[in-house]
């Protein structure tokens, strides 16, 4: 069996796994994060609002945005809210997830079914966004997908990756007990930055997010001063082409 056949087999298996999980995703995710006191919508919106603030601060173009690993569309309402003038393209390996997303949030967004590559032209996206996807991708494939994301990004465009922080004990507990993450392998922010740099992304840097659960929500305004502290539940990596 050659390398391409092995890769195709792995891709088919991954698509099948996510197709099977798609119908249960929202309920399982909601149950798994109950310990935080928040629902999935809170976590979906915080990321998009955070990206919108970064885009505003850096005065970046955002005519086109690609959501890599868009799943059942949890981010779509918030892309519409925070990027109302942008053209959103959702991409996922799971056809079933795409079907569910279209049913949950019908609209004029574009969809891309990802197989062994991303079916988008070179230099077409201003912002490439991905949330908690890379820990599902075998680590030996990270370089390939980071290069694919760079290929479709316009010069001057931005990559934004949100990932679970393996230094946060509650995050690790949530991942280890979640059926959706049975094959997950978490990545540190430092490792993710090194991999982005190896894939020729410029100035990759990470900041930590989500320090306080709902019961301590009054402390959340202080989180902006803690982004350097590697104890947040997640981190945000930003890099540029």
Protein backbone atom coordinates (compact mmCIF):
# COMPACT_ATOMS: atom_id res chain seq x y z
CA UNK A 1 0.00 0.00 0.00
CA UNK A 2 1.56 3.31 -1.06
CA UNK A 3 1.54 6.55 0.96
CA UNK A 4 -1.32 8.09 -1.04
CA UNK A 5 -3.52 5.01 -0.57
CA UNK A 6 -2.77 5.04 3.16
CA UNK A 7 -3.63 8.75 3.35
CA UNK A 8 -6.88 8.27 1.42
CA UNK A 9 -7.86 5.43 3.76
CA UNK A 10 -7.18 7.60 6.82
CA UNK A 11 -9.19 10.49 5.33
CA UNK A 12 -12.14 8.18 4.61
CA UNK A 13 -12.06 6.81 8.16
CA UNK A 14 -11.96 10.32 9.62
CA UNK A 15 -14.91 11.47 7.50
CA UNK A 16 -16.91 8.41 8.56
CA UNK A 17 -16.19 9.06 12.25
CA UNK A 18 -17.35 12.66 12.06
CA UNK A 19 -20.40 11.74 10.00
CA UNK A 20 -21.45 9.35 12.78
CA UNK A 21 -20.91 11.99 15.47
CA UNK A 22 -22.56 14.87 13.62
CA UNK A 23 -26.14 14.28 14.79
CA UNK A 24 -25.08 13.96 18.43
CA UNK A 25 -22.46 16.70 18.41
CA UNK A 26 -24.42 19.58 19.95
CA UNK A 27 -25.93 17.57 22.80
CA UNK A 28 -22.68 15.80 23.66
CA UNK A 29 -20.72 19.04 23.53
CA UNK A 30 -23.30 20.76 25.76
CA UNK A 31 -23.13 17.96 28.31
CA UNK A 32 -19.35 17.88 28.30
CA UNK A 33 -18.91 21.61 29.00
CA UNK A 34 -21.65 21.80 31.64
CA UNK A 35 -18.94 22.06 34.31
CA UNK A 36 -18.09 25.55 33.01
CA UNK A 37 -21.63 26.83 33.56
CA UNK A 38 -21.80 27.96 29.94
CA UNK A 39 -23.47 26.57 26.83
CA UNK A 40 -21.87 25.90 23.41
CA UNK A 41 -23.17 29.21 22.07
CA UNK A 42 -21.09 31.17 24.58
CA UNK A 43 -17.89 29.48 23.43
CA UNK A 44 -18.80 29.84 19.77
CA UNK A 45 -19.43 33.56 20.01
CA UNK A 46 -16.45 34.44 22.16
CA UNK A 47 -14.08 33.22 19.44
CA UNK A 48 -15.73 35.12 16.61
CA UNK A 49 -16.03 38.30 18.68
CA UNK A 50 -12.35 37.91 19.57
CA UNK A 51 -11.37 37.57 15.91
CA UNK A 52 -13.50 40.61 15.03
CA UNK A 53 -11.67 42.68 17.65
CA UNK A 54 -8.29 41.53 16.32
CA UNK A 55 -9.30 42.36 12.75
CA UNK A 56 -10.45 45.79 13.89
CA UNK A 57 -7.25 46.51 15.83
CA UNK A 58 -5.01 45.45 12.95
CA UNK A 59 -7.26 47.05 10.31
CA UNK A 60 -7.30 43.88 8.23
CA UNK A 61 -9.41 43.20 5.19
CA UNK A 62 -12.16 40.67 5.83
CA UNK A 63 -14.13 40.44 2.60
CA UNK A 64 -13.70 36.65 2.59
CA UNK A 65 -13.46 34.30 5.57
CA UNK A 66 -12.91 30.53 5.56
CA UNK A 67 -14.02 28.41 8.52
CA UNK A 68 -11.82 25.30 8.41
CA UNK A 69 -13.56 22.42 10.17
CA UNK A 70 -16.86 24.26 10.44
CA UNK A 71 -18.75 21.21 11.70
CA UNK A 72 -22.49 21.65 12.24
CA UNK A 73 -22.26 25.42 11.84
CA UNK A 74 -21.93 26.59 15.45
CA UNK A 75 -19.94 29.65 14.40
CA UNK A 76 -22.24 30.76 11.59
CA UNK A 77 -24.67 32.96 13.58
CA UNK A 78 -21.72 34.83 15.03
CA UNK A 79 -19.92 35.29 11.74
CA UNK A 80 -23.17 36.85 10.52
CA UNK A 81 -23.34 39.06 13.60
CA UNK A 82 -19.71 40.22 13.78
CA UNK A 83 -18.81 40.09 10.06
CA UNK A 84 -22.10 41.02 8.35
CA UNK A 85 -20.45 42.14 5.11
CA UNK A 86 -18.03 39.21 4.73
CA UNK A 87 -18.39 36.25 2.38
CA UNK A 88 -18.23 33.16 4.60
CA UNK A 89 -17.11 29.77 3.33
CA UNK A 90 -17.52 26.75 5.60
CA UNK A 91 -15.35 23.70 5.02
CA UNK A 92 -15.48 20.28 6.66
CA UNK A 93 -14.57 16.65 6.01
CA UNK A 94 -18.01 15.51 7.18
CA UNK A 95 -20.76 15.74 4.57
CA UNK A 96 -23.33 15.00 7.28
CA UNK A 97 -22.09 17.92 9.36
CA UNK A 98 -22.43 20.22 6.35
CA UNK A 99 -26.00 19.01 5.78
CA UNK A 100 -26.88 19.73 9.41
CA UNK A 101 -25.28 23.18 9.26
CA UNK A 102 -27.33 24.10 6.19
CA UNK A 103 -30.51 22.93 7.93
CA UNK A 104 -29.76 24.70 11.21
CA UNK A 105 -28.65 27.99 9.66
CA UNK A 106 -29.96 28.33 6.10
CA UNK A 107 -28.40 31.22 4.25
CA UNK A 108 -26.13 32.24 1.40
CA UNK A 109 -22.84 30.98 2.85
CA UNK A 110 -20.62 28.84 0.67
CA UNK A 111 -19.65 25.28 1.58
CA UNK A 112 -16.57 23.24 0.70
CA UNK A 113 -16.33 19.49 1.19
CA UNK A 114 -12.75 18.77 2.25
CA UNK A 115 -11.13 15.54 1.14
CA UNK A 116 -7.38 15.26 0.59
CA UNK A 117 -7.11 19.04 0.11
CA UNK A 118 -9.19 22.20 0.41
CA UNK A 119 -11.24 22.80 -2.78
CA UNK A 120 -10.61 26.55 -2.93
CA UNK A 121 -8.38 28.55 -5.25
CA UNK A 122 -5.05 30.03 -4.20
CA UNK A 123 -5.00 33.48 -2.58
CA UNK A 124 -8.77 33.83 -2.15
CA UNK A 125 -9.35 34.24 1.62
CA UNK A 126 -8.62 37.27 3.78
CA UNK A 127 -9.12 35.43 7.07
CA UNK A 128 -8.73 31.71 7.72
CA UNK A 129 -10.34 30.62 10.99
CA UNK A 130 -10.30 27.26 12.72
CA UNK A 131 -11.54 26.34 16.18
CA UNK A 132 -10.52 23.21 18.07
CA UNK A 133 -9.83 21.28 14.87
CA UNK A 134 -6.09 20.61 14.89
CA UNK A 135 -6.23 18.34 17.93
CA UNK A 136 -8.40 16.02 15.82
CA UNK A 137 -5.85 15.96 12.97
CA UNK A 138 -2.92 13.52 13.30
CA UNK A 139 0.08 15.63 14.26
CA UNK A 140 2.15 14.36 11.36
CA UNK A 141 -0.42 15.98 9.03
CA UNK A 142 -0.34 19.43 10.64
CA UNK A 143 2.32 20.78 8.30
CA UNK A 144 0.31 19.77 5.23
CA UNK A 145 -2.92 21.42 6.41
CA UNK A 146 -1.14 24.55 7.61
CA UNK A 147 0.38 24.87 4.15
CA UNK A 148 -3.02 24.26 2.54
CA UNK A 149 -4.51 27.04 4.65
CA UNK A 150 -1.64 29.31 3.66
CA UNK A 151 -2.17 28.47 -0.01
CA UNK A 152 -5.76 29.71 0.00
CA UNK A 153 -4.97 32.85 2.05
CA UNK A 154 -4.37 36.16 0.32
CA UNK A 155 -1.00 37.89 0.82
CA UNK A 156 -1.37 39.94 3.98
CA UNK A 157 -4.19 37.69 5.18
CA UNK A 158 -4.43 36.16 8.62
CA UNK A 159 -4.68 32.66 10.08
CA UNK A 160 -6.45 32.35 13.44
CA UNK A 161 -6.38 29.06 15.33
CA UNK A 162 -8.16 28.37 18.61
CA UNK A 163 -7.09 25.27 20.47
CA UNK A 164 -7.53 23.64 23.87
CA UNK A 165 -4.70 24.33 26.29
CA UNK A 166 -3.14 21.09 27.59
CA UNK A 167 -1.80 22.96 30.64
CA UNK A 168 -5.32 23.63 31.93
CA UNK A 169 -6.52 20.70 34.08
CA UNK A 170 -10.24 21.31 33.48
CA UNK A 171 -9.65 21.37 29.74
CA UNK A 172 -7.72 18.10 29.88
CA UNK A 173 -10.49 16.53 31.98
CA UNK A 174 -13.15 17.68 29.51
CA UNK A 175 -11.24 16.29 26.53
CA UNK A 176 -10.48 12.98 28.25
CA UNK A 177 -14.14 12.40 29.11
CA UNK A 178 -15.68 13.55 25.84
CA UNK A 179 -16.73 10.89 23.29
CA UNK A 180 -16.18 13.47 20.56
CA UNK A 181 -12.49 13.68 21.51
CA UNK A 182 -11.73 9.99 21.79
CA UNK A 183 -8.89 10.28 19.25
CA UNK A 184 -7.85 13.83 20.17
CA UNK A 185 -4.25 14.74 20.91
CA UNK A 186 -3.80 18.21 22.38
CA UNK A 187 -1.08 20.59 21.19
CA UNK A 188 0.72 23.23 23.24
CA UNK A 189 0.69 26.81 22.03
CA UNK A 190 4.47 26.79 21.61
CA UNK A 191 4.33 23.69 19.41
CA UNK A 192 1.50 25.12 17.32
CA UNK A 193 3.48 28.33 16.77
CA UNK A 194 6.55 26.35 15.68
CA UNK A 195 4.47 24.34 13.23
CA UNK A 196 2.91 27.48 11.78
CA UNK A 197 6.38 29.00 11.32
CA UNK A 198 7.60 25.79 9.64
CA UNK A 199 4.68 26.09 7.22
CA UNK A 200 5.95 29.60 6.34
CA UNK A 201 3.35 31.62 8.24
CA UNK A 202 4.79 34.92 9.44
CA UNK A 203 4.89 36.14 13.04
CA UNK A 204 2.91 33.33 14.67
CA UNK A 205 2.06 34.23 18.25
CA UNK A 206 -0.30 32.83 20.86
CA UNK A 207 -2.40 34.33 23.63
CA UNK A 208 -4.38 32.48 26.27
CA UNK A 209 -8.13 32.77 26.74
CA UNK A 210 -10.96 31.66 29.09
CA UNK A 211 -9.58 31.80 32.62
CA UNK A 212 -12.79 32.03 34.64
CA UNK A 213 -15.89 29.77 34.60
CA UNK A 214 -19.39 31.17 34.72
CA UNK A 215 -19.52 31.29 38.52
CA UNK A 216 -16.57 33.72 38.39
CA UNK A 217 -17.79 35.67 35.36
CA UNK A 218 -17.39 38.99 37.20
CA UNK A 219 -13.64 38.46 36.95
CA UNK A 220 -13.66 38.08 33.18
CA UNK A 221 -12.81 41.75 32.49
CA UNK A 222 -9.38 40.96 33.98
CA UNK A 223 -8.71 38.23 31.41
CA UNK A 224 -7.31 40.76 28.94
CA UNK A 225 -4.39 41.19 31.35
CA UNK A 226 -3.75 37.45 31.64
CA UNK A 227 -3.27 36.47 28.00
CA UNK A 228 0.40 35.68 28.69
CA UNK A 229 -0.43 33.17 31.43
CA UNK A 230 -0.53 29.56 30.12
CA UNK A 231 -3.45 28.53 32.32
CA UNK A 232 -6.38 29.65 30.17
CA UNK A 233 -8.70 26.92 28.95
CA UNK A 234 -7.84 27.75 25.33
CA UNK A 235 -5.33 29.74 23.35
CA UNK A 236 -5.50 31.79 20.18
CA UNK A 237 -2.76 31.64 17.61
CA UNK A 238 -2.56 34.38 14.99
CA UNK A 239 -0.18 34.38 12.03
CA UNK A 240 0.06 36.13 8.68
CA UNK A 241 0.89 35.43 5.05
